[in-house]
Amino acid sequence: MVGEDYAIDFNAISGSETPGRVAYAVCYIRSDAEQHDLQLLLSCNERAKVYLNGTSIYETSSSRYFTADRETVPKISLKEGLNVLVFKVGNKTKEWQGSLRLTDAQGNPVRGLQNTLNPE
């Protein structure tokens, strides 16, 4: 489930509180053209890793309260065509949320993107 603040609530998806688990959220991003100087805004409660096209672009292992857009990963590039984004989120406690969003360097939505769960 995605909330109004675009957070994924992994407990709501699993149907119960599930401490001590790991979840993977995967999406495919189609870009009309090569795009550079984007930023990834993200947040999670605890451990997280983010991979873009098979390359690790972010990692944290600290616990904290969820706040949307807490972290910024600058200088993200997308290739023309299909890009794969993987969000690995670990959970030690009751709260288990995560969020990701791509913007341009000024925080505006990125044009020419289509998100999908199907890579075809």
PDB file of N, CA and C in Angstrom:
ATOM      1  N   MET A   1       0.837  -1.191   0.000  1.00  0.00           N
ATOM      2  CA  MET A   1       0.000   0.000   0.000  1.00  0.00           C
ATOM      3  C   MET A   1       0.874   1.244   0.000  1.00  0.00           C
ATOM      4  N   VAL A   2       0.493   2.221  -0.751  1.00  0.00           N
ATOM      5  CA  VAL A   2       1.217   3.486  -0.793  1.00  0.00           C
ATOM      6  C   VAL A   2       0.324   4.549  -0.181  1.00  0.00           C
ATOM      7  N   GLY A   3       0.851   5.255   0.807  1.00  0.00           N
ATOM      8  CA  GLY A   3       0.081   6.277   1.494  1.00  0.00           C
ATOM      9  C   GLY A   3       0.064   7.589   0.740  1.00  0.00           C
ATOM     10  N   GLU A   4      -0.663   8.563   1.285  1.00  0.00           N
ATOM     11  CA  GLU A   4      -0.755   9.872   0.658  1.00  0.00           C
ATOM     12  C   GLU A   4       0.615  10.537   0.557  1.00  0.00           C
ATOM     13  N   ASP A   5       1.530  10.167   1.431  1.00  0.00           N
ATOM     14  CA  ASP A   5       2.876  10.728   1.370  1.00  0.00           C
ATOM     15  C   ASP A   5       3.803   9.833   0.549  1.00  0.00           C
ATOM     16  N   TYR A   6       3.228   8.975  -0.294  1.00  0.00           N
ATOM     17  CA  TYR A   6       3.902   8.041  -1.188  1.00  0.00           C
ATOM     18  C   TYR A   6       4.815   7.060  -0.470  1.00  0.00           C
ATOM     19  N   ALA A   7       4.577   6.804   0.803  1.00  0.00           N
ATOM     20  CA  ALA A   7       5.361   5.811   1.544  1.00  0.00           C
ATOM     21  C   ALA A   7       4.769   4.425   1.332  1.00  0.00           C
ATOM     22  N   ILE A   8       5.626   3.454   1.258  1.00  0.00           N
ATOM     23  CA  ILE A   8       5.195   2.061   1.218  1.00  0.00           C
ATOM     24  C   ILE A   8       5.158   1.574   2.658  1.00  0.00           C
ATOM     25  N   ASP A   9       4.018   1.093   3.094  1.00  0.00           N
ATOM     26  CA  ASP A   9       3.867   0.529   4.436  1.00  0.00           C
ATOM     27  C   ASP A   9       3.950  -0.990   4.295  1.00  0.00           C
ATOM     28  N   PHE A  10       5.127  -1.543   4.565  1.00  0.00           N
ATOM     29  CA  PHE A  10       5.353  -2.972   4.367  1.00  0.00           C
ATOM     30  C   PHE A  10       4.530  -3.823   5.329  1.00  0.00           C
ATOM     31  N   ASN A  11       4.254  -3.324   6.533  1.00  0.00           N
ATOM     32  CA  ASN A  11       3.388  -4.058   7.461  1.00  0.00           C
ATOM     33  C   ASN A  11       1.969  -4.173   6.904  1.00  0.00           C
ATOM     34  N   ALA A  12       1.470  -3.099   6.311  1.00  0.00           N
ATOM     35  CA  ALA A  12       0.123  -3.139   5.731  1.00  0.00           C
ATOM     36  C   ALA A  12       0.075  -4.137   4.573  1.00  0.00           C
ATOM     37  N   ILE A  13       1.121  -4.190   3.792  1.00  0.00           N
ATOM     38  CA  ILE A  13       1.170  -5.135   2.671  1.00  0.00           C
ATOM     39  C   ILE A  13       1.194  -6.570   3.184  1.00  0.00           C
ATOM     40  N   SER A  14       1.979  -6.831   4.232  1.00  0.00           N
ATOM     41  CA  SER A  14       2.091  -8.199   4.752  1.00  0.00           C
ATOM     42  C   SER A  14       0.894  -8.580   5.629  1.00  0.00           C
ATOM     43  N   GLY A  15       0.144  -7.596   6.104  1.00  0.00           N
ATOM     44  CA  GLY A  15      -1.038  -7.871   6.902  1.00  0.00           C
ATOM     45  C   GLY A  15      -0.794  -7.961   8.395  1.00  0.00           C
ATOM     46  N   SER A  16       0.442  -7.747   8.827  1.00  0.00           N
ATOM     47  CA  SER A  16       0.740  -7.768  10.264  1.00  0.00           C
ATOM     48  C   SER A  16       2.091  -7.100  10.508  1.00  0.00           C
ATOM     49  N   GLU A  17       2.366  -6.796  11.782  1.00  0.00           N
ATOM     50  CA  GLU A  17       3.686  -6.279  12.137  1.00  0.00           C
ATOM     51  C   GLU A  17       4.681  -7.421  11.999  1.00  0.00           C
ATOM     52  N   THR A  18       5.776  -7.142  11.333  1.00  0.00           N
ATOM     53  CA  THR A  18       6.724  -8.214  11.027  1.00  0.00           C
ATOM     54  C   THR A  18       8.160  -7.784  11.296  1.00  0.00           C
ATOM     55  N   PRO A  19       8.540  -7.618  12.572  1.00  0.00           N
ATOM     56  CA  PRO A  19       9.935  -7.248  12.858  1.00  0.00           C
ATOM     57  C   PRO A  19      10.887  -8.363  12.447  1.00  0.00           C
ATOM     58  N   GLY A  20      12.108  -7.968  12.116  1.00  0.00           N
ATOM     59  CA  GLY A  20      13.139  -8.932  11.750  1.00  0.00           C
ATOM     60  C   GLY A  20      13.020  -9.447  10.331  1.00  0.00           C
ATOM     61  N   ARG A  21      12.442  -8.668   9.438  1.00  0.00           N
ATOM     62  CA  ARG A  21      12.238  -9.087   8.050  1.00  0.00           C
ATOM     63  C   ARG A  21      12.948  -8.150   7.081  1.00  0.00           C
ATOM     64  N   VAL A  22      13.006  -8.583   5.828  1.00  0.00           N
ATOM     65  CA  VAL A  22      13.544  -7.780   4.731  1.00  0.00           C
ATOM     66  C   VAL A  22      12.544  -7.829   3.584  1.00  0.00           C
ATOM     67  N   ALA A  23      12.342  -6.705   2.919  1.00  0.00           N
ATOM     68  CA  ALA A  23      11.462  -6.649   1.751  1.00  0.00           C
ATOM     69  C   ALA A  23      12.211  -5.979   0.602  1.00  0.00           C
ATOM     70  N   TYR A  24      11.818  -6.353  -0.597  1.00  0.00           N
ATOM     71  CA  TYR A  24      12.360  -5.743  -1.808  1.00  0.00           C
ATOM     72  C   TYR A  24      11.209  -5.123  -2.585  1.00  0.00           C
ATOM     73  N   ALA A  25      11.350  -3.869  -2.941  1.00  0.00           N
ATOM     74  CA  ALA A  25      10.396  -3.201  -3.817  1.00  0.00           C
ATOM     75  C   ALA A  25      11.143  -2.931  -5.123  1.00  0.00           C
ATOM     76  N   VAL A  26      10.571  -3.379  -6.222  1.00  0.00           N
ATOM     77  CA  VAL A  26      11.222  -3.252  -7.526  1.00  0.00           C
ATOM     78  C   VAL A  26      10.288  -2.527  -8.479  1.00  0.00           C
ATOM     79  N   CYS A  27      10.833  -1.588  -9.228  1.00  0.00           N
ATOM     80  CA  CYS A  27      10.053  -0.984 -10.303  1.00  0.00           C
ATOM     81  C   CYS A  27      10.964  -0.764 -11.503  1.00  0.00           C
ATOM     82  N   TYR A  28      10.325  -0.636 -12.631  1.00  0.00           N
ATOM     83  CA  TYR A  28      11.026  -0.395 -13.887  1.00  0.00           C
ATOM     84  C   TYR A  28      10.663   1.008 -14.345  1.00  0.00           C
ATOM     85  N   ILE A  29      11.675   1.758 -14.731  1.00  0.00           N
ATOM     86  CA  ILE A  29      11.484   3.143 -15.143  1.00  0.00           C
ATOM     87  C   ILE A  29      11.901   3.258 -16.606  1.00  0.00           C
ATOM     88  N   ARG A  30      10.961   3.609 -17.447  1.00  0.00           N
ATOM     89  CA  ARG A  30      11.274   3.859 -18.854  1.00  0.00           C
ATOM     90  C   ARG A  30      11.518   5.357 -19.028  1.00  0.00           C
ATOM     91  N   SER A  31      12.648   5.665 -19.628  1.00  0.00           N
ATOM     92  CA  SER A  31      12.997   7.061 -19.872  1.00  0.00           C
ATOM     93  C   SER A  31      13.038   7.310 -21.377  1.00  0.00           C
ATOM     94  N   ASP A  32      12.399   8.397 -21.805  1.00  0.00           N
ATOM     95  CA  ASP A  32      12.380   8.752 -23.226  1.00  0.00           C
ATOM     96  C   ASP A  32      13.770   9.076 -23.756  1.00  0.00           C
ATOM     97  N   ALA A  33      14.652   9.508 -22.878  1.00  0.00           N
ATOM     98  CA  ALA A  33      16.013   9.899 -23.267  1.00  0.00           C
ATOM     99  C   ALA A  33      16.945   9.681 -22.081  1.00  0.00           C
ATOM    100  N   GLU A  34      18.239   9.712 -22.340  1.00  0.00           N
ATOM    101  CA  GLU A  34      19.217   9.680 -21.259  1.00  0.00           C
ATOM    102  C   GLU A  34      19.001  10.928 -20.401  1.00  0.00           C
ATOM    103  N   GLN A  35      19.049  10.758 -19.077  1.00  0.00           N
ATOM    104  CA  GLN A  35      18.822  11.889 -18.182  1.00  0.00           C
ATOM    105  C   GLN A  35      19.909  11.900 -17.111  1.00  0.00           C
ATOM    106  N   HIS A  36      20.430  13.086 -16.832  1.00  0.00           N
ATOM    107  CA  HIS A  36      21.520  13.236 -15.867  1.00  0.00           C
ATOM    108  C   HIS A  36      21.159  14.298 -14.829  1.00  0.00           C
ATOM    109  N   ASP A  37      21.938  14.328 -13.760  1.00  0.00           N
ATOM    110  CA  ASP A  37      21.787  15.315 -12.692  1.00  0.00           C
ATOM    111  C   ASP A  37      20.407  15.261 -12.036  1.00  0.00           C
ATOM    112  N   LEU A  38      19.883  14.042 -11.893  1.00  0.00           N
ATOM    113  CA  LEU A  38      18.648  13.840 -11.144  1.00  0.00           C
ATOM    114  C   LEU A  38      19.015  13.570  -9.696  1.00  0.00           C
ATOM    115  N   GLN A  39      18.023  13.567  -8.823  1.00  0.00           N
ATOM    116  CA  GLN A  39      18.267  13.199  -7.436  1.00  0.00           C
ATOM    117  C   GLN A  39      17.192  12.223  -6.982  1.00  0.00           C
ATOM    118  N   LEU A  40      17.586  11.345  -6.090  1.00  0.00           N
ATOM    119  CA  LEU A  40      16.669  10.379  -5.497  1.00  0.00           C
ATOM    120  C   LEU A  40      16.399  10.829  -4.069  1.00  0.00           C
ATOM    121  N   LEU A  41      15.141  11.082  -3.749  1.00  0.00           N
ATOM    122  CA  LEU A  41      14.742  11.440  -2.394  1.00  0.00           C
ATOM    123  C   LEU A  41      14.161  10.182  -1.771  1.00  0.00           C
ATOM    124  N   LEU A  42      14.629   9.838  -0.566  1.00  0.00           N
ATOM    125  CA  LEU A  42      14.187   8.586   0.030  1.00  0.00           C
ATOM    126  C   LEU A  42      14.133   8.672   1.533  1.00  0.00           C
ATOM    127  N   SER A  43      13.444   7.698   2.098  1.00  0.00           N
ATOM    128  CA  SER A  43      13.377   7.547   3.536  1.00  0.00           C
ATOM    129  C   SER A  43      13.017   6.117   3.875  1.00  0.00           C
ATOM    130  N   CYS A  44      13.411   5.702   5.061  1.00  0.00           N
ATOM    131  CA  CYS A  44      13.054   4.387   5.593  1.00  0.00           C
ATOM    132  C   CYS A  44      13.240   4.440   7.106  1.00  0.00           C
ATOM    133  N   ASN A  45      12.704   3.442   7.803  1.00  0.00           N
ATOM    134  CA  ASN A  45      12.841   3.402   9.257  1.00  0.00           C
ATOM    135  C   ASN A  45      14.201   2.880   9.693  1.00  0.00           C
ATOM    136  N   GLU A  46      14.740   1.942   8.930  1.00  0.00           N
ATOM    137  CA  GLU A  46      15.971   1.289   9.377  1.00  0.00           C
ATOM    138  C   GLU A  46      16.909   1.010   8.218  1.00  0.00           C
ATOM    139  N   ARG A  47      17.370  -0.214   8.134  1.00  0.00           N
ATOM    140  CA  ARG A  47      18.349  -0.585   7.107  1.00  0.00           C
ATOM    141  C   ARG A  47      17.739  -0.486   5.710  1.00  0.00           C
ATOM    142  N   ALA A  48      18.537   0.024   4.772  1.00  0.00           N
ATOM    143  CA  ALA A  48      18.062   0.098   3.390  1.00  0.00           C
ATOM    144  C   ALA A  48      19.232   0.126   2.426  1.00  0.00           C
ATOM    145  N   LYS A  49      18.989  -0.404   1.245  1.00  0.00           N
ATOM    146  CA  LYS A  49      19.913  -0.308   0.123  1.00  0.00           C
ATOM    147  C   LYS A  49      19.078   0.004  -1.107  1.00  0.00           C
ATOM    148  N   VAL A  50      19.658   0.789  -2.005  1.00  0.00           N
ATOM    149  CA  VAL A  50      18.998   1.098  -3.267  1.00  0.00           C
ATOM    150  C   VAL A  50      19.978   0.780  -4.385  1.00  0.00           C
ATOM    151  N   TYR A  51      19.466   0.080  -5.390  1.00  0.00           N
ATOM    152  CA  TYR A  51      20.247  -0.278  -6.563  1.00  0.00           C
ATOM    153  C   TYR A  51      19.565   0.309  -7.791  1.00  0.00           C
ATOM    154  N   LEU A  52      20.344   0.896  -8.681  1.00  0.00           N
ATOM    155  CA  LEU A  52      19.846   1.381  -9.952  1.00  0.00           C
ATOM    156  C   LEU A  52      20.632   0.691 -11.051  1.00  0.00           C
ATOM    157  N   ASN A  53      19.929  -0.050 -11.875  1.00  0.00           N
ATOM    158  CA  ASN A  53      20.553  -0.796 -12.971  1.00  0.00           C
ATOM    159  C   ASN A  53      21.705  -1.670 -12.485  1.00  0.00           C
ATOM    160  N   GLY A  54      21.511  -2.316 -11.343  1.00  0.00           N
ATOM    161  CA  GLY A  54      22.484  -3.260 -10.811  1.00  0.00           C
ATOM    162  C   GLY A  54      23.619  -2.652 -10.013  1.00  0.00           C
ATOM    163  N   THR A  55      23.642  -1.336  -9.869  1.00  0.00           N
ATOM    164  CA  THR A  55      24.698  -0.650  -9.123  1.00  0.00           C
ATOM    165  C   THR A  55      24.131  -0.080  -7.832  1.00  0.00           C
ATOM    166  N   SER A  56      24.815  -0.328  -6.724  1.00  0.00           N
ATOM    167  CA  SER A  56      24.395   0.224  -5.434  1.00  0.00           C
ATOM    168  C   SER A  56      24.600   1.738  -5.453  1.00  0.00           C
ATOM    169  N   ILE A  57      23.519   2.487  -5.139  1.00  0.00           N
ATOM    170  CA  ILE A  57      23.632   3.950  -5.124  1.00  0.00           C
ATOM    171  C   ILE A  57      23.356   4.547  -3.742  1.00  0.00           C
ATOM    172  N   TYR A  58      22.918   3.693  -2.787  1.00  0.00           N
ATOM    173  CA  TYR A  58      22.622   4.193  -1.442  1.00  0.00           C
ATOM    174  C   TYR A  58      22.600   3.017  -0.474  1.00  0.00           C
ATOM    175  N   GLU A  59      23.073   3.289   0.764  1.00  0.00           N
ATOM    176  CA  GLU A  59      23.001   2.278   1.821  1.00  0.00           C
ATOM    177  C   GLU A  59      23.008   2.972   3.182  1.00  0.00           C
ATOM    178  N   THR A  60      22.156   2.473   4.095  1.00  0.00           N
ATOM    179  CA  THR A  60      22.159   2.952   5.473  1.00  0.00           C
ATOM    180  C   THR A  60      21.801   1.800   6.393  1.00  0.00           C
ATOM    181  N   SER A  61      22.286   1.878   7.612  1.00  0.00           N
ATOM    182  CA  SER A  61      21.949   0.847   8.602  1.00  0.00           C
ATOM    183  C   SER A  61      21.499   1.464   9.916  1.00  0.00           C
ATOM    184  N   SER A  62      21.203   2.762   9.909  1.00  0.00           N
ATOM    185  CA  SER A  62      20.793   3.425  11.148  1.00  0.00           C
ATOM    186  C   SER A  62      19.281   3.405  11.311  1.00  0.00           C
ATOM    187  N   SER A  63      18.835   3.313  12.561  1.00  0.00           N
ATOM    188  CA  SER A  63      17.402   3.346  12.876  1.00  0.00           C
ATOM    189  C   SER A  63      16.967   4.786  13.110  1.00  0.00           C
ATOM    190  N   ARG A  64      15.741   5.091  12.667  1.00  0.00           N
ATOM    191  CA  ARG A  64      15.197   6.442  12.843  1.00  0.00           C
ATOM    192  C   ARG A  64      13.703   6.403  12.552  1.00  0.00           C
ATOM    193  N   TYR A  65      13.024   7.471  12.904  1.00  0.00           N
ATOM    194  CA  TYR A  65      11.611   7.592  12.572  1.00  0.00           C
ATOM    195  C   TYR A  65      11.477   7.905  11.084  1.00  0.00           C
ATOM    196  N   PHE A  66      10.397   7.426  10.501  1.00  0.00           N
ATOM    197  CA  PHE A  66      10.163   7.682   9.088  1.00  0.00           C
ATOM    198  C   PHE A  66       9.753   9.132   8.873  1.00  0.00           C
ATOM    199  N   THR A  67      10.448   9.797   7.979  1.00  0.00           N
ATOM    200  CA  THR A  67      10.106  11.130   7.505  1.00  0.00           C
ATOM    201  C   THR A  67      10.348  11.132   6.005  1.00  0.00           C
ATOM    202  N   ALA A  68       9.328  11.421   5.220  1.00  0.00           N
ATOM    203  CA  ALA A  68       9.463  11.409   3.769  1.00  0.00           C
ATOM    204  C   ALA A  68      10.590  12.337   3.319  1.00  0.00           C
ATOM    205  N   ASP A  69      11.328  11.911   2.315  1.00  0.00           N
ATOM    206  CA  ASP A  69      12.413  12.690   1.698  1.00  0.00           C
ATOM    207  C   ASP A  69      13.541  13.038   2.668  1.00  0.00           C
ATOM    208  N   ARG A  70      13.784  12.197   3.640  1.00  0.00           N
ATOM    209  CA  ARG A  70      14.831  12.452   4.640  1.00  0.00           C
ATOM    210  C   ARG A  70      16.232  12.505   4.010  1.00  0.00           C
ATOM    211  N   GLU A  71      16.509  11.621   3.073  1.00  0.00           N
ATOM    212  CA  GLU A  71      17.839  11.515   2.458  1.00  0.00           C
ATOM    213  C   GLU A  71      17.779  11.945   0.994  1.00  0.00           C
ATOM    214  N   THR A  72      18.889  12.457   0.494  1.00  0.00           N
ATOM    215  CA  THR A  72      19.002  12.833  -0.911  1.00  0.00           C
ATOM    216  C   THR A  72      20.239  12.176  -1.500  1.00  0.00           C
ATOM    217  N   VAL A  73      20.041  11.481  -2.609  1.00  0.00           N
ATOM    218  CA  VAL A  73      21.161  10.910  -3.359  1.00  0.00           C
ATOM    219  C   VAL A  73      21.272  11.732  -4.645  1.00  0.00           C
ATOM    220  N   PRO A  74      22.322  12.560  -4.762  1.00  0.00           N
ATOM    221  CA  PRO A  74      22.442  13.437  -5.932  1.00  0.00           C
ATOM    222  C   PRO A  74      23.100  12.727  -7.112  1.00  0.00           C
ATOM    223  N   LYS A  75      23.077  13.404  -8.240  1.00  0.00           N
ATOM    224  CA  LYS A  75      23.795  12.993  -9.450  1.00  0.00           C
ATOM    225  C   LYS A  75      23.392  11.614  -9.951  1.00  0.00           C
ATOM    226  N   ILE A  76      22.085  11.380  -9.968  1.00  0.00           N
ATOM    227  CA  ILE A  76      21.547  10.130 -10.499  1.00  0.00           C
ATOM    228  C   ILE A  76      21.371  10.288 -12.010  1.00  0.00           C
ATOM    229  N   SER A  77      21.730   9.248 -12.755  1.00  0.00           N
ATOM    230  CA  SER A  77      21.535   9.243 -14.205  1.00  0.00           C
ATOM    231  C   SER A  77      20.673   8.057 -14.603  1.00  0.00           C
ATOM    232  N   LEU A  78      19.809   8.294 -15.564  1.00  0.00           N
ATOM    233  CA  LEU A  78      19.007   7.236 -16.155  1.00  0.00           C
ATOM    234  C   LEU A  78      19.426   7.077 -17.607  1.00  0.00           C
ATOM    235  N   LYS A  79      19.451   5.855 -18.061  1.00  0.00           N
ATOM    236  CA  LYS A  79      19.736   5.615 -19.470  1.00  0.00           C
ATOM    237  C   LYS A  79      18.435   5.688 -20.256  1.00  0.00           C
ATOM    238  N   GLU A  80      18.535   5.895 -21.543  1.00  0.00           N
ATOM    239  CA  GLU A  80      17.352   5.864 -22.389  1.00  0.00           C
ATOM    240  C   GLU A  80      16.800   4.447 -22.397  1.00  0.00           C
ATOM    241  N   GLY A  81      15.495   4.320 -22.286  1.00  0.00           N
ATOM    242  CA  GLY A  81      14.872   3.005 -22.273  1.00  0.00           C
ATOM    243  C   GLY A  81      14.614   2.534 -20.855  1.00  0.00           C
ATOM    244  N   LEU A  82      14.775   1.236 -20.635  1.00  0.00           N
ATOM    245  CA  LEU A  82      14.417   0.609 -19.367  1.00  0.00           C
ATOM    246  C   LEU A  82      15.514   0.742 -18.318  1.00  0.00           C
ATOM    247  N   ASN A  83      15.138   1.184 -17.117  1.00  0.00           N
ATOM    248  CA  ASN A  83      16.006   1.270 -15.950  1.00  0.00           C
ATOM    249  C   ASN A  83      15.349   0.474 -14.827  1.00  0.00           C
ATOM    250  N   VAL A  84      16.158  -0.222 -14.031  1.00  0.00           N
ATOM    251  CA  VAL A  84      15.629  -1.053 -12.947  1.00  0.00           C
ATOM    252  C   VAL A  84      16.035  -0.444 -11.613  1.00  0.00           C
ATOM    253  N   LEU A  85      15.037  -0.189 -10.757  1.00  0.00           N
ATOM    254  CA  LEU A  85      15.267   0.373  -9.431  1.00  0.00           C
ATOM    255  C   LEU A  85      14.829  -0.654  -8.390  1.00  0.00           C
ATOM    256  N   VAL A  86      15.753  -1.018  -7.488  1.00  0.00           N
ATOM    257  CA  VAL A  86      15.472  -1.985  -6.428  1.00  0.00           C
ATOM    258  C   VAL A  86      15.699  -1.298  -5.088  1.00  0.00           C
ATOM    259  N   PHE A  87      14.714  -1.408  -4.202  1.00  0.00           N
ATOM    260  CA  PHE A  87      14.736  -0.804  -2.869  1.00  0.00           C
ATOM    261  C   PHE A  87      14.647  -1.941  -1.862  1.00  0.00           C
ATOM    262  N   LYS A  88      15.738  -2.219  -1.171  1.00  0.00           N
ATOM    263  CA  LYS A  88      15.774  -3.273  -0.148  1.00  0.00           C
ATOM    264  C   LYS A  88      15.633  -2.597   1.218  1.00  0.00           C
ATOM    265  N   VAL A  89      14.618  -3.012   1.983  1.00  0.00           N
ATOM    266  CA  VAL A  89      14.330  -2.373   3.261  1.00  0.00           C
ATOM    267  C   VAL A  89      14.258  -3.427   4.357  1.00  0.00           C
ATOM    268  N   GLY A  90      15.121  -3.306   5.356  1.00  0.00           N
ATOM    269  CA  GLY A  90      15.116  -4.211   6.500  1.00  0.00           C
ATOM    270  C   GLY A  90      14.305  -3.632   7.638  1.00  0.00           C
ATOM    271  N   ASN A  91      13.925  -4.497   8.560  1.00  0.00           N
ATOM    272  CA  ASN A  91      13.083  -4.059   9.669  1.00  0.00           C
ATOM    273  C   ASN A  91      13.465  -4.801  10.946  1.00  0.00           C
ATOM    274  N   LYS A  92      13.781  -4.062  11.997  1.00  0.00           N
ATOM    275  CA  LYS A  92      14.062  -4.652  13.308  1.00  0.00           C
ATOM    276  C   LYS A  92      12.922  -4.409  14.288  1.00  0.00           C
ATOM    277  N   THR A  93      12.140  -3.375  14.053  1.00  0.00           N
ATOM    278  CA  THR A  93      11.098  -2.963  15.007  1.00  0.00           C
ATOM    279  C   THR A  93       9.709  -3.094  14.385  1.00  0.00           C
ATOM    280  N   LYS A  94       8.716  -2.515  15.037  1.00  0.00           N
ATOM    281  CA  LYS A  94       7.333  -2.603  14.559  1.00  0.00           C
ATOM    282  C   LYS A  94       7.078  -1.754  13.323  1.00  0.00           C
ATOM    283  N   GLU A  95       7.622  -0.551  13.288  1.00  0.00           N
ATOM    284  CA  GLU A  95       7.399   0.339  12.151  1.00  0.00           C
ATOM    285  C   GLU A  95       8.216  -0.139  10.959  1.00  0.00           C
ATOM    286  N   TRP A  96       7.610  -0.106   9.749  1.00  0.00           N
ATOM    287  CA  TRP A  96       8.316  -0.603   8.568  1.00  0.00           C
ATOM    288  C   TRP A  96       7.801   0.111   7.331  1.00  0.00           C
ATOM    289  N   GLN A  97       8.423   1.238   7.031  1.00  0.00           N
ATOM    290  CA  GLN A  97       8.020   2.049   5.891  1.00  0.00           C
ATOM    291  C   GLN A  97       9.229   2.446   5.068  1.00  0.00           C
ATOM    292  N   GLY A  98       8.968   2.795   3.830  1.00  0.00           N
ATOM    293  CA  GLY A  98      10.008   3.307   2.959  1.00  0.00           C
ATOM    294  C   GLY A  98       9.394   4.123   1.839  1.00  0.00           C
ATOM    295  N   SER A  99      10.155   5.043   1.304  1.00  0.00           N
ATOM    296  CA  SER A  99       9.681   5.826   0.159  1.00  0.00           C
ATOM    297  C   SER A  99      10.864   6.232  -0.700  1.00  0.00           C
ATOM    298  N   LEU A 100      10.598   6.332  -1.992  1.00  0.00           N
ATOM    299  CA  LEU A 100      11.579   6.770  -2.983  1.00  0.00           C
ATOM    300  C   LEU A 100      10.869   7.652  -3.998  1.00  0.00           C
ATOM    301  N   ARG A 101      11.575   8.658  -4.485  1.00  0.00           N
ATOM    302  CA  ARG A 101      11.067   9.407  -5.640  1.00  0.00           C
ATOM    303  C   ARG A 101      12.214  10.117  -6.324  1.00  0.00           C
ATOM    304  N   LEU A 102      12.144  10.149  -7.634  1.00  0.00           N
ATOM    305  CA  LEU A 102      13.141  10.833  -8.453  1.00  0.00           C
ATOM    306  C   LEU A 102      12.659  12.235  -8.769  1.00  0.00           C
ATOM    307  N   THR A 103      13.573  13.200  -8.696  1.00  0.00           N
ATOM    308  CA  THR A 103      13.275  14.572  -9.101  1.00  0.00           C
ATOM    309  C   THR A 103      14.455  15.099  -9.901  1.00  0.00           C
ATOM    310  N   ASP A 104      14.268  16.261 -10.505  1.00  0.00           N
ATOM    311  CA  ASP A 104      15.428  16.917 -11.102  1.00  0.00           C
ATOM    312  C   ASP A 104      16.232  17.555  -9.965  1.00  0.00           C
ATOM    313  N   ALA A 105      17.318  18.204 -10.274  1.00  0.00           N
ATOM    314  CA  ALA A 105      18.200  18.761  -9.244  1.00  0.00           C
ATOM    315  C   ALA A 105      17.528  19.846  -8.408  1.00  0.00           C
ATOM    316  N   GLN A 106      16.436  20.448  -8.926  1.00  0.00           N
ATOM    317  CA  GLN A 106      15.721  21.491  -8.190  1.00  0.00           C
ATOM    318  C   GLN A 106      14.518  20.941  -7.420  1.00  0.00           C
ATOM    319  N   GLY A 107      14.307  19.631  -7.478  1.00  0.00           N
ATOM    320  CA  GLY A 107      13.199  19.014  -6.746  1.00  0.00           C
ATOM    321  C   GLY A 107      11.907  18.896  -7.524  1.00  0.00           C
ATOM    322  N   ASN A 108      11.947  19.190  -8.813  1.00  0.00           N
ATOM    323  CA  ASN A 108      10.759  19.107  -9.661  1.00  0.00           C
ATOM    324  C   ASN A 108      10.590  17.706 -10.236  1.00  0.00           C
ATOM    325  N   PRO A 109       9.353  17.333 -10.599  1.00  0.00           N
ATOM    326  CA  PRO A 109       9.149  16.029 -11.241  1.00  0.00           C
ATOM    327  C   PRO A 109       9.984  15.904 -12.512  1.00  0.00           C
ATOM    328  N   VAL A 110      10.398  14.692 -12.813  1.00  0.00           N
ATOM    329  CA  VAL A 110      11.206  14.427 -14.003  1.00  0.00           C
ATOM    330  C   VAL A 110      10.269  14.114 -15.162  1.00  0.00           C
ATOM    331  N   ARG A 111      10.465  14.787 -16.263  1.00  0.00           N
ATOM    332  CA  ARG A 111       9.632  14.563 -17.453  1.00  0.00           C
ATOM    333  C   ARG A 111      10.184  13.402 -18.272  1.00  0.00           C
ATOM    334  N   GLY A 112       9.287  12.779 -19.024  1.00  0.00           N
ATOM    335  CA  GLY A 112       9.709  11.730 -19.942  1.00  0.00           C
ATOM    336  C   GLY A 112       9.918  10.377 -19.302  1.00  0.00           C
ATOM    337  N   LEU A 113       9.333  10.167 -18.106  1.00  0.00           N
ATOM    338  CA  LEU A 113       9.472   8.879 -17.407  1.00  0.00           C
ATOM    339  C   LEU A 113       8.133   8.160 -17.347  1.00  0.00           C
ATOM    340  N   GLN A 114       8.209   6.854 -17.398  1.00  0.00           N
ATOM    341  CA  GLN A 114       7.043   6.018 -17.186  1.00  0.00           C
ATOM    342  C   GLN A 114       7.448   4.913 -16.216  1.00  0.00           C
ATOM    343  N   ASN A 115       6.762   4.815 -15.083  1.00  0.00           N
ATOM    344  CA  ASN A 115       7.031   3.763 -14.102  1.00  0.00           C
ATOM    345  C   ASN A 115       6.122   2.582 -14.375  1.00  0.00           C
ATOM    346  N   THR A 116       6.668   1.394 -14.213  1.00  0.00           N
ATOM    347  CA  THR A 116       5.883   0.198 -14.437  1.00  0.00           C
ATOM    348  C   THR A 116       6.412  -0.931 -13.568  1.00  0.00           C
ATOM    349  N   LEU A 117       5.596  -1.912 -13.299  1.00  0.00           N
ATOM    350  CA  LEU A 117       6.028  -3.107 -12.601  1.00  0.00           C
ATOM    351  C   LEU A 117       6.353  -4.223 -13.581  1.00  0.00           C
ATOM    352  N   ASN A 118       6.123  -3.964 -14.873  1.00  0.00           N
ATOM    353  CA  ASN A 118       6.340  -4.952 -15.907  1.00  0.00           C
ATOM    354  C   ASN A 118       7.471  -4.491 -16.828  1.00  0.00           C
ATOM    355  N   PRO A 119       8.559  -5.240 -16.945  1.00  0.00           N
ATOM    356  CA  PRO A 119       9.694  -4.798 -17.758  1.00  0.00           C
ATOM    357  C   PRO A 119       9.487  -4.947 -19.261  1.00  0.00           C
ATOM    358  N   GLU A 120       8.371  -5.488 -19.688  1.00  0.00           N
ATOM    359  CA  GLU A 120       8.146  -5.700 -21.127  1.00  0.00           C
ATOM    360  C   GLU A 120       7.607  -4.467 -21.803  1.00  0.00           C
TER     361      GLU A 120
END
